[in-house]
Amino acid sequence: MQKIIPNLWFDSNAQEAAEYYLSVFKDGKIINITYYPNSEAEGLADFQKDFAGKVLTVEFEILGMRLIGINAGPIFKFNEAISLMIPCKDQAEIDYYWEALTSDGGQESVCGWLKDKYGLSWQVCPENWAELNKRPGAFKKMMGMKKIIIADF
């Protein structure tokens, strides 16, 4: 069992995001959905009244990794301080994830980094990343790329 489960903070679209990730990562599944209580008598805090009866958490799995999306309001947003890396077996797999995660509002960054349409940062990299980085001029080449192109190393 996975000992650390990342929790991803969403405003009100955790289930939508989980379903999107399941469409990108074909082997995924939703494990559990929890809901906010309907009333103060059931434990709903005063500041949570707008969430009454709505989805609280969505636990899901992609590529064997469990994550939890939590609907907790607009207070916090994703930033590049944390990213999820996808080690890819070849250029076709890099191209697939790059296209899927930058589509519909995602944003390309540099050096294999991108943000998906929810603002979550990803690194789409070759699984032999350590080997490629030992080649002459590799760092300079990487710094000039958005999506990683294996053949350019």
Protein backbone atom coordinates (compact mmCIF):
# COMPACT_ATOMS: atom_id res chain seq x y z
CA MET A 1 0.00 0.00 0.00
CA GLN A 2 1.18 3.52 -0.84
CA LYS A 3 2.30 5.22 2.40
CA ILE A 4 2.08 8.82 1.17
CA ILE A 5 -1.00 9.97 -0.74
CA PRO A 6 -0.84 13.46 -2.27
CA ASN A 7 -3.91 15.60 -1.63
CA LEU A 8 -4.73 18.08 -4.37
CA TRP A 9 -6.73 21.17 -3.39
CA PHE A 10 -9.48 22.17 -5.82
CA ASP A 11 -12.06 24.94 -5.63
CA SER A 12 -15.14 22.90 -6.52
CA ASN A 13 -14.10 20.66 -9.41
CA ALA A 14 -12.17 17.76 -7.83
CA GLN A 15 -14.44 15.12 -9.37
CA GLU A 16 -14.23 16.75 -12.80
CA ALA A 17 -10.43 16.86 -12.48
CA ALA A 18 -10.23 13.22 -11.38
CA GLU A 19 -12.34 12.17 -14.35
CA TYR A 20 -10.08 14.21 -16.64
CA TYR A 21 -6.96 12.51 -15.25
CA LEU A 22 -8.63 9.12 -15.75
CA SER A 23 -9.21 10.02 -19.41
CA VAL A 24 -5.49 10.86 -19.82
CA PHE A 25 -4.11 7.94 -17.79
CA LYS A 26 -6.11 5.04 -19.19
CA ASP A 27 -5.40 2.53 -16.42
CA GLY A 28 -6.85 4.69 -13.63
CA LYS A 29 -9.93 4.38 -11.47
CA ILE A 30 -11.97 6.27 -8.90
CA ILE A 31 -11.62 4.56 -5.54
CA ASN A 32 -13.90 6.57 -3.27
CA ILE A 33 -15.98 9.75 -3.14
CA THR A 34 -16.96 11.45 0.12
CA TYR A 35 -19.45 14.24 0.64
CA TYR A 36 -19.74 17.22 2.95
CA PRO A 37 -22.43 16.83 5.61
CA ASN A 38 -25.78 18.44 4.83
CA SER A 39 -26.12 20.43 8.04
CA GLU A 40 -24.42 21.77 11.16
CA ALA A 41 -26.11 18.98 13.12
CA GLU A 42 -24.14 16.51 10.97
CA GLY A 43 -20.87 18.40 11.55
CA LEU A 44 -20.85 20.99 8.77
CA ALA A 45 -18.91 24.07 9.89
CA ASP A 46 -20.42 27.50 9.43
CA PHE A 47 -17.84 28.47 6.80
CA GLN A 48 -18.66 25.29 4.83
CA LYS A 49 -22.37 26.00 4.31
CA ASP A 50 -21.92 26.56 0.57
CA PHE A 51 -20.50 23.02 0.34
CA ALA A 52 -23.41 21.26 2.09
CA GLY A 53 -24.05 17.85 0.50
CA LYS A 54 -21.49 18.42 -2.26
CA VAL A 55 -18.41 16.32 -3.07
CA LEU A 56 -15.71 16.72 -0.41
CA THR A 57 -13.03 14.31 -1.67
CA VAL A 58 -12.39 12.09 -4.66
CA GLU A 59 -9.79 9.39 -4.15
CA PHE A 60 -8.46 8.07 -7.45
CA GLU A 61 -5.55 6.13 -8.88
CA ILE A 62 -3.47 6.80 -11.99
CA LEU A 63 -0.46 4.74 -13.09
CA GLY A 64 -0.63 2.89 -9.77
CA MET A 65 -0.46 6.09 -7.69
CA ARG A 66 -3.27 7.11 -5.37
CA LEU A 67 -4.22 10.76 -5.12
CA ILE A 68 -7.01 12.61 -3.38
CA GLY A 69 -8.74 15.66 -4.80
CA ILE A 70 -10.39 17.81 -2.16
CA ASN A 71 -12.97 20.52 -2.81
CA ALA A 72 -12.08 23.19 -0.28
CA GLY A 73 -12.70 26.53 -1.97
CA PRO A 74 -10.66 29.12 -3.86
CA ILE A 75 -8.16 29.99 -1.12
CA PHE A 76 -5.17 28.01 -2.47
CA LYS A 77 -4.01 27.45 -6.05
CA PHE A 78 -1.44 25.09 -7.55
CA ASN A 79 1.99 26.44 -8.38
CA GLU A 80 5.31 25.08 -9.63
CA ALA A 81 6.56 24.39 -6.10
CA ILE A 82 5.33 20.83 -6.65
CA SER A 83 5.01 18.81 -9.83
CA LEU A 84 4.29 15.24 -10.82
CA MET A 85 6.82 13.54 -13.09
CA ILE A 86 5.83 11.07 -15.79
CA PRO A 87 8.81 8.95 -16.91
CA CYS A 88 8.04 8.02 -20.54
CA LYS A 89 9.41 5.01 -22.43
CA ASP A 90 9.77 6.82 -25.78
CA GLN A 91 8.99 9.97 -27.77
CA ALA A 92 5.51 8.76 -28.68
CA GLU A 93 4.60 8.51 -25.00
CA ILE A 94 6.09 11.96 -24.30
CA ASP A 95 4.08 13.37 -27.21
CA TYR A 96 0.88 11.72 -25.95
CA TYR A 97 1.10 13.07 -22.40
CA TRP A 98 2.32 16.48 -23.55
CA GLU A 99 -0.61 16.89 -25.93
CA ALA A 100 -3.20 15.51 -23.49
CA LEU A 101 -2.07 17.61 -20.53
CA THR A 102 -1.60 20.89 -22.42
CA SER A 103 -4.91 20.63 -24.28
CA ASP A 104 -8.04 22.54 -23.34
CA GLY A 105 -6.27 25.32 -21.44
CA GLY A 106 -3.03 23.69 -20.29
CA GLN A 107 0.23 25.62 -20.69
CA GLU A 108 3.65 24.62 -21.93
CA SER A 109 6.61 25.65 -19.82
CA VAL A 110 10.29 24.74 -20.31
CA CYS A 111 12.50 21.66 -19.85
CA GLY A 112 9.63 19.17 -20.07
CA TRP A 113 7.40 21.05 -17.61
CA LEU A 114 3.79 22.01 -18.22
CA LYS A 115 0.63 22.95 -16.37
CA ASP A 116 -2.63 21.17 -17.08
CA LYS A 117 -5.94 22.99 -17.37
CA TYR A 118 -6.37 22.84 -13.57
CA GLY A 119 -2.98 24.46 -12.96
CA LEU A 120 -1.23 21.31 -11.72
CA SER A 121 2.41 21.12 -12.84
CA TRP A 122 3.78 18.03 -14.57
CA GLN A 123 7.19 16.98 -15.86
CA VAL A 124 6.95 14.82 -18.97
CA CYS A 125 10.38 13.26 -19.30
CA PRO A 126 12.08 10.23 -20.84
CA GLU A 127 12.60 7.38 -18.40
CA ASN A 128 16.31 7.39 -19.32
CA TRP A 129 16.57 11.04 -18.25
CA ALA A 130 19.70 10.48 -16.13
CA GLU A 131 21.53 8.89 -19.09
CA LEU A 132 20.51 11.66 -21.52
CA ASN A 133 21.70 14.36 -19.12
CA LYS A 134 25.23 12.89 -19.14
CA ARG A 135 25.63 13.58 -22.85
CA PRO A 136 27.73 16.61 -23.90
CA GLY A 137 25.68 19.79 -24.06
CA ALA A 138 22.57 18.07 -22.65
CA PHE A 139 21.71 20.77 -20.11
CA LYS A 140 21.93 23.53 -22.70
CA LYS A 141 19.77 21.52 -25.10
CA MET A 142 17.20 20.82 -22.40
CA MET A 143 17.04 24.51 -21.44
CA GLY A 144 16.14 25.35 -25.04
CA MET A 145 13.20 22.94 -25.13
CA LYS A 146 9.62 23.10 -24.01
CA LYS A 147 8.57 19.52 -24.75
CA ILE A 148 11.53 17.16 -24.50
CA ILE A 149 12.66 15.80 -27.86
CA ILE A 150 14.76 12.71 -27.19
CA ALA A 151 16.41 12.71 -30.64
CA ASP A 152 17.86 16.19 -29.98
CA PHE A 153 20.12 14.84 -27.25
